[in-house]
Amino acid sequence: MLLQTQSLKDDNNRNTAIIVSKLNEMQTQSLHDKIAELTEEKTNLKTQISQEQ
């Protein structure tokens, strides 16, 4: 019984770590996407300003 309980705890901890890792990965990708979006916007604005001068 004790071995089964420990095994369930270990499985739960492993599954939780996998979920947290995936969430971190998703958050990191979202941040990279936002950085790319803002970089493109900045480039477009710089181009627009230089054409107006």
C-alpha atoms as a PDB file:
ATOM      1  CA  MET A   1       0.000   0.000   0.000  1.00  0.00           C
ATOM      2  CA  LEU A   2       2.779   2.422   0.896  1.00  0.00           C
ATOM      3  CA  LEU A   3       4.589   1.634  -2.365  1.00  0.00           C
ATOM      4  CA  GLN A   4       1.428   2.318  -4.384  1.00  0.00           C
ATOM      5  CA  THR A   5       0.914   5.624  -2.579  1.00  0.00           C
ATOM      6  CA  GLN A   6       4.492   6.684  -3.270  1.00  0.00           C
ATOM      7  CA  SER A   7       4.145   5.644  -6.891  1.00  0.00           C
ATOM      8  CA  LEU A   8       0.989   7.765  -7.244  1.00  0.00           C
ATOM      9  CA  LYS A   9       2.772  10.734  -5.669  1.00  0.00           C
ATOM     10  CA  ASP A  10       5.731  10.325  -8.014  1.00  0.00           C
ATOM     11  CA  ASP A  11       3.452  10.070 -11.041  1.00  0.00           C
ATOM     12  CA  ASN A  12       1.539  13.147  -9.917  1.00  0.00           C
ATOM     13  CA  ASN A  13       4.738  15.131  -9.403  1.00  0.00           C
ATOM     14  CA  ARG A  14       6.039  14.055 -12.807  1.00  0.00           C
ATOM     15  CA  ASN A  15       2.775  15.024 -14.522  1.00  0.00           C
ATOM     16  CA  THR A  16       2.704  18.378 -12.729  1.00  0.00           C
ATOM     17  CA  ALA A  17       6.277  19.093 -13.830  1.00  0.00           C
ATOM     18  CA  ILE A  18       5.350  18.281 -17.438  1.00  0.00           C
ATOM     19  CA  ILE A  19       2.346  20.616 -17.313  1.00  0.00           C
ATOM     20  CA  VAL A  20       4.352  23.457 -15.752  1.00  0.00           C
ATOM     21  CA  SER A  21       7.082  22.978 -18.350  1.00  0.00           C
ATOM     22  CA  LYS A  22       4.552  23.143 -21.187  1.00  0.00           C
ATOM     23  CA  LEU A  23       2.959  26.285 -19.734  1.00  0.00           C
ATOM     24  CA  ASN A  24       6.388  27.920 -19.467  1.00  0.00           C
ATOM     25  CA  GLU A  25       7.108  26.958 -23.063  1.00  0.00           C
ATOM     26  CA  MET A  26       3.811  28.468 -24.217  1.00  0.00           C
ATOM     27  CA  GLN A  27       4.452  31.667 -22.278  1.00  0.00           C
ATOM     28  CA  THR A  28       7.956  31.981 -23.699  1.00  0.00           C
ATOM     29  CA  GLN A  29       6.650  31.512 -27.244  1.00  0.00           C
ATOM     30  CA  SER A  30       3.973  34.121 -26.635  1.00  0.00           C
ATOM     31  CA  LEU A  31       6.596  36.595 -25.434  1.00  0.00           C
ATOM     32  CA  HIS A  32       8.796  35.907 -28.465  1.00  0.00           C
ATOM     33  CA  ASP A  33       5.799  36.475 -30.741  1.00  0.00           C
ATOM     34  CA  LYS A  34       5.037  39.782 -29.012  1.00  0.00           C
ATOM     35  CA  ILE A  35       8.668  40.897 -29.331  1.00  0.00           C
ATOM     36  CA  ALA A  36       8.625  40.079 -33.052  1.00  0.00           C
ATOM     37  CA  GLU A  37       5.353  41.967 -33.480  1.00  0.00           C
ATOM     38  CA  LEU A  38       6.670  45.050 -31.689  1.00  0.00           C
ATOM     39  CA  THR A  39       9.974  44.943 -33.575  1.00  0.00           C
ATOM     40  CA  GLU A  40       8.102  44.888 -36.878  1.00  0.00           C
ATOM     41  CA  GLU A  41       5.874  47.752 -35.740  1.00  0.00           C
ATOM     42  CA  LYS A  42       8.937  49.777 -34.718  1.00  0.00           C
ATOM     43  CA  THR A  43      10.586  49.167 -38.086  1.00  0.00           C
ATOM     44  CA  ASN A  44       7.430  50.225 -39.906  1.00  0.00           C
ATOM     45  CA  LEU A  45       7.169  53.402 -37.856  1.00  0.00           C
ATOM     46  CA  LYS A  46      10.837  54.250 -38.479  1.00  0.00           C
ATOM     47  CA  THR A  47      10.285  53.772 -42.205  1.00  0.00           C
ATOM     48  CA  GLN A  48       7.179  55.927 -42.121  1.00  0.00           C
ATOM     49  CA  ILE A  49       9.002  58.722 -40.255  1.00  0.00           C
ATOM     50  CA  SER A  50      11.967  58.668 -42.628  1.00  0.00           C
ATOM     51  CA  GLN A  51       9.631  58.930 -45.638  1.00  0.00           C
ATOM     52  CA  GLU A  52       7.848  61.928 -44.137  1.00  0.00           C
ATOM     53  CA  GLN A  53      11.059  63.898 -43.644  1.00  0.00           C
END
